[in-house]
Each structure stands twice: as structure tokens, then as C-alpha cells.
N, C-alpha and C. Protein backbone atom coordinates (compact mmCIF):
# COMPACT_ATOMS: atom_id res chain seq x y z
N MET A 1 -0.42 -7.19 -16.42
CA MET A 1 -0.85 -6.02 -17.14
C MET A 1 0.38 -5.15 -17.43
N GLU A 2 0.74 -5.07 -18.65
CA GLU A 2 1.89 -4.26 -19.05
C GLU A 2 1.59 -2.78 -18.88
N HIS A 3 2.62 -2.01 -18.63
CA HIS A 3 2.48 -0.57 -18.54
C HIS A 3 3.66 0.08 -19.25
N GLY A 4 3.47 1.31 -19.63
CA GLY A 4 4.57 2.07 -20.24
C GLY A 4 5.29 2.85 -19.16
N MET A 5 5.76 4.03 -19.51
CA MET A 5 6.47 4.86 -18.54
C MET A 5 5.54 5.35 -17.44
N ILE A 6 4.32 5.71 -17.81
CA ILE A 6 3.39 6.29 -16.85
C ILE A 6 2.46 5.22 -16.31
N LEU A 7 2.43 5.09 -14.99
CA LEU A 7 1.49 4.16 -14.36
C LEU A 7 0.14 4.85 -14.24
N LYS A 8 -0.89 4.18 -14.69
CA LYS A 8 -2.26 4.69 -14.57
C LYS A 8 -2.90 4.06 -13.33
N ALA A 9 -4.06 4.57 -12.96
CA ALA A 9 -4.75 4.07 -11.76
C ALA A 9 -4.96 2.56 -11.83
N GLU A 10 -5.30 2.03 -13.00
CA GLU A 10 -5.54 0.59 -13.11
C GLU A 10 -4.27 -0.24 -12.88
N HIS A 11 -3.11 0.37 -13.07
CA HIS A 11 -1.85 -0.34 -12.81
C HIS A 11 -1.55 -0.43 -11.32
N CYS A 12 -2.24 0.36 -10.52
CA CYS A 12 -2.01 0.40 -9.07
C CYS A 12 -3.09 -0.33 -8.28
N ASN A 13 -3.98 -1.04 -8.98
CA ASN A 13 -5.02 -1.82 -8.32
C ASN A 13 -4.36 -3.03 -7.67
N TYR A 14 -4.60 -3.21 -6.38
CA TYR A 14 -3.94 -4.28 -5.64
C TYR A 14 -4.86 -5.47 -5.33
N ASP A 15 -5.91 -5.64 -6.14
CA ASP A 15 -6.81 -6.78 -5.95
C ASP A 15 -6.11 -8.12 -6.11
N ASP A 16 -4.95 -8.11 -6.75
CA ASP A 16 -4.21 -9.36 -6.98
C ASP A 16 -3.14 -9.61 -5.90
N LEU A 17 -3.27 -8.93 -4.75
CA LEU A 17 -2.33 -9.11 -3.64
C LEU A 17 -2.36 -10.55 -3.15
N THR A 18 -1.20 -11.19 -3.12
CA THR A 18 -1.11 -12.58 -2.66
C THR A 18 -0.32 -12.72 -1.38
N LYS A 19 0.51 -11.72 -1.05
CA LYS A 19 1.31 -11.79 0.18
C LYS A 19 1.49 -10.38 0.73
N PHE A 20 1.10 -10.19 2.00
CA PHE A 20 1.27 -8.90 2.65
C PHE A 20 2.73 -8.71 3.02
N GLY A 21 3.16 -7.48 2.98
CA GLY A 21 4.53 -7.14 3.34
C GLY A 21 4.54 -6.00 4.33
N LYS A 22 5.57 -5.19 4.24
CA LYS A 22 5.78 -4.10 5.19
C LYS A 22 6.05 -2.81 4.42
N VAL A 23 5.42 -1.72 4.87
CA VAL A 23 5.68 -0.39 4.33
C VAL A 23 6.20 0.44 5.50
N GLU A 24 7.37 1.03 5.30
CA GLU A 24 7.99 1.83 6.36
C GLU A 24 8.24 3.23 5.82
N ILE A 25 7.74 4.23 6.54
CA ILE A 25 7.93 5.62 6.16
C ILE A 25 8.85 6.26 7.19
N THR A 26 9.94 6.85 6.72
CA THR A 26 10.88 7.50 7.64
C THR A 26 11.14 8.93 7.18
N TYR A 27 11.52 9.75 8.13
CA TYR A 27 11.88 11.14 7.87
C TYR A 27 13.24 11.40 8.50
N ASP A 28 14.20 11.82 7.70
CA ASP A 28 15.54 12.06 8.20
C ASP A 28 16.16 13.22 7.44
N ALA A 29 16.59 14.21 8.18
CA ALA A 29 17.28 15.37 7.62
C ALA A 29 16.52 16.00 6.45
N GLY A 30 15.21 16.15 6.64
CA GLY A 30 14.40 16.80 5.61
C GLY A 30 14.00 15.93 4.44
N GLN A 31 14.32 14.65 4.50
CA GLN A 31 13.98 13.75 3.40
C GLN A 31 13.05 12.64 3.89
N ILE A 32 11.98 12.42 3.15
CA ILE A 32 11.04 11.35 3.46
C ILE A 32 11.37 10.15 2.58
N SER A 33 11.44 8.98 3.19
CA SER A 33 11.69 7.75 2.44
C SER A 33 10.58 6.76 2.70
N VAL A 34 10.18 6.04 1.67
CA VAL A 34 9.19 4.98 1.80
C VAL A 34 9.88 3.69 1.37
N ARG A 35 9.93 2.73 2.29
CA ARG A 35 10.57 1.44 2.01
C ARG A 35 9.49 0.36 2.00
N ILE A 36 9.51 -0.45 0.97
CA ILE A 36 8.52 -1.51 0.80
C ILE A 36 9.25 -2.84 0.70
N GLU A 37 8.75 -3.83 1.42
CA GLU A 37 9.35 -5.15 1.31
C GLU A 37 8.31 -6.23 1.57
N GLY A 38 8.46 -7.33 0.89
CA GLY A 38 7.67 -8.52 1.16
C GLY A 38 6.33 -8.65 0.46
N PHE A 39 5.86 -7.62 -0.24
CA PHE A 39 4.58 -7.70 -0.93
C PHE A 39 4.73 -8.52 -2.20
N GLU A 40 3.69 -9.30 -2.50
CA GLU A 40 3.66 -10.05 -3.76
C GLU A 40 2.29 -9.89 -4.39
N PHE A 41 2.30 -9.73 -5.71
CA PHE A 41 1.09 -9.56 -6.49
C PHE A 41 1.14 -10.50 -7.68
N GLU A 42 -0.01 -11.00 -8.09
CA GLU A 42 -0.06 -11.92 -9.24
C GLU A 42 0.30 -11.22 -10.54
N GLN A 43 -0.04 -9.93 -10.67
CA GLN A 43 0.08 -9.28 -11.97
C GLN A 43 1.02 -8.07 -11.98
N ALA A 44 1.94 -7.97 -11.07
CA ALA A 44 2.89 -6.86 -11.11
C ALA A 44 4.00 -7.22 -12.10
N CYS A 45 4.12 -6.43 -13.16
CA CYS A 45 5.08 -6.78 -14.20
C CYS A 45 6.41 -6.06 -14.03
N SER A 46 6.55 -5.24 -13.00
CA SER A 46 7.82 -4.56 -12.74
C SER A 46 7.95 -4.26 -11.25
N CYS A 47 9.17 -4.00 -10.82
CA CYS A 47 9.40 -3.61 -9.42
C CYS A 47 8.66 -2.31 -9.11
N ARG A 48 8.64 -1.42 -10.07
CA ARG A 48 7.97 -0.14 -9.90
C ARG A 48 6.47 -0.33 -9.69
N GLN A 49 5.87 -1.21 -10.47
CA GLN A 49 4.44 -1.46 -10.33
C GLN A 49 4.17 -2.17 -9.00
N ASN A 50 5.03 -3.09 -8.60
CA ASN A 50 4.88 -3.77 -7.32
C ASN A 50 4.88 -2.75 -6.18
N GLY A 51 5.81 -1.80 -6.24
CA GLY A 51 5.89 -0.76 -5.23
C GLY A 51 4.67 0.14 -5.23
N ALA A 52 4.19 0.50 -6.40
CA ALA A 52 3.01 1.36 -6.51
C ALA A 52 1.78 0.67 -5.93
N LYS A 53 1.63 -0.62 -6.20
CA LYS A 53 0.49 -1.37 -5.66
C LYS A 53 0.58 -1.44 -4.14
N ALA A 54 1.77 -1.66 -3.59
CA ALA A 54 1.95 -1.73 -2.14
C ALA A 54 1.65 -0.38 -1.50
N ILE A 55 2.08 0.71 -2.13
CA ILE A 55 1.81 2.05 -1.60
C ILE A 55 0.31 2.34 -1.65
N ALA A 56 -0.35 1.94 -2.73
CA ALA A 56 -1.81 2.14 -2.83
C ALA A 56 -2.53 1.38 -1.73
N TRP A 57 -2.09 0.15 -1.46
CA TRP A 57 -2.68 -0.65 -0.37
C TRP A 57 -2.48 0.07 0.97
N ALA A 58 -1.23 0.52 1.24
CA ALA A 58 -0.93 1.21 2.50
C ALA A 58 -1.75 2.50 2.63
N ARG A 59 -1.89 3.24 1.53
CA ARG A 59 -2.68 4.47 1.53
C ARG A 59 -4.11 4.17 1.99
N ASP A 60 -4.71 3.12 1.44
CA ASP A 60 -6.09 2.79 1.78
C ASP A 60 -6.22 2.31 3.22
N VAL A 61 -5.24 1.56 3.71
CA VAL A 61 -5.25 1.13 5.12
C VAL A 61 -5.16 2.36 6.03
N LEU A 62 -4.27 3.30 5.71
CA LEU A 62 -4.11 4.49 6.53
C LEU A 62 -5.36 5.37 6.50
N ILE A 63 -6.00 5.49 5.35
CA ILE A 63 -7.24 6.27 5.25
C ILE A 63 -8.31 5.67 6.15
N ARG A 64 -8.43 4.35 6.12
CA ARG A 64 -9.45 3.69 6.95
C ARG A 64 -9.11 3.79 8.43
N GLN A 65 -7.83 3.69 8.77
CA GLN A 65 -7.43 3.83 10.17
C GLN A 65 -7.70 5.23 10.68
N LEU A 66 -7.40 6.23 9.86
CA LEU A 66 -7.68 7.62 10.24
C LEU A 66 -9.17 7.82 10.45
N ALA A 67 -10.00 7.27 9.55
CA ALA A 67 -11.46 7.40 9.70
C ALA A 67 -11.92 6.74 11.00
N ALA A 68 -11.38 5.58 11.34
CA ALA A 68 -11.75 4.90 12.59
C ALA A 68 -11.35 5.73 13.79
N ASP A 69 -10.16 6.32 13.75
CA ASP A 69 -9.68 7.12 14.87
C ASP A 69 -10.47 8.42 15.01
N MET A 70 -10.94 8.97 13.89
CA MET A 70 -11.75 10.18 13.95
C MET A 70 -13.12 9.91 14.56
N LEU A 71 -13.65 8.70 14.33
CA LEU A 71 -14.97 8.35 14.86
C LEU A 71 -14.92 8.05 16.35
N ALA A 72 -13.87 7.41 16.79
CA ALA A 72 -13.74 7.04 18.20
C ALA A 72 -12.28 7.11 18.60
N PRO A 73 -11.96 7.87 19.65
CA PRO A 73 -10.57 7.94 20.08
C PRO A 73 -9.99 6.53 20.30
N GLY A 74 -8.85 6.29 19.71
CA GLY A 74 -8.25 4.96 19.82
C GLY A 74 -8.91 3.96 18.89
N GLY A 75 -9.76 4.46 17.98
CA GLY A 75 -10.43 3.57 17.04
C GLY A 75 -9.41 2.72 16.30
N ASN A 76 -9.80 1.55 15.93
CA ASN A 76 -8.86 0.64 15.30
C ASN A 76 -9.57 -0.20 14.25
N ILE A 77 -8.85 -0.55 13.21
CA ILE A 77 -9.37 -1.46 12.20
C ILE A 77 -9.17 -2.87 12.70
N VAL A 78 -10.23 -3.65 12.67
CA VAL A 78 -10.11 -5.07 13.03
C VAL A 78 -10.62 -5.88 11.86
N CYS A 79 -9.84 -6.87 11.47
CA CYS A 79 -10.20 -7.70 10.36
C CYS A 79 -10.12 -9.15 10.79
N SER A 80 -11.13 -9.92 10.48
CA SER A 80 -11.06 -11.35 10.78
C SER A 80 -11.40 -12.13 9.52
N VAL A 81 -10.71 -13.21 9.36
CA VAL A 81 -10.89 -14.06 8.21
C VAL A 81 -11.27 -15.44 8.69
N ASP A 82 -12.19 -16.08 7.98
CA ASP A 82 -12.64 -17.42 8.40
C ASP A 82 -11.49 -18.34 8.70
């Protein structure tokens, strides 16, 4: 899916995720950095879109983890695949 300068919500859909990677958030001297590595998507047409999809995936994982922790102290997301 081609995109122009501005990424729209549909450009950040990660349904085409084929390989999980790592998202690392660091804070140093007043600056926040987000590092992404190892993610692969079938339809990411640029490095920028690949990064946006990975961040959207991480955002949703963190939202679900926060919801689990709010429901039960130490709550955790558990996923099993056949």
C-alpha cells in the first residue's frame, strides 16, 4: 500500500505482520528514543511505514498489558498458538 508524506491510520495497520521484532524505549538526558528492529510486514513499502506498523503493534500490546495489570495486580497477557 503506497503512501505519500502523511501516513494515515490504514498505513499503520499491522495485520500483515510476518515476523515479530523488538521495540525498545529509552530515556536519556531528557530525550526519549524508540528503537525498532526485526519486524517484517508483507505490505510495508518504506522503512518509515515499517516502523509505524511496529509502533502501532507495540502500542496495542502495551494497552492490553496495562488493562490486564489494572484488573489484577501482576496481571499478564498470555497467548498460545496451536
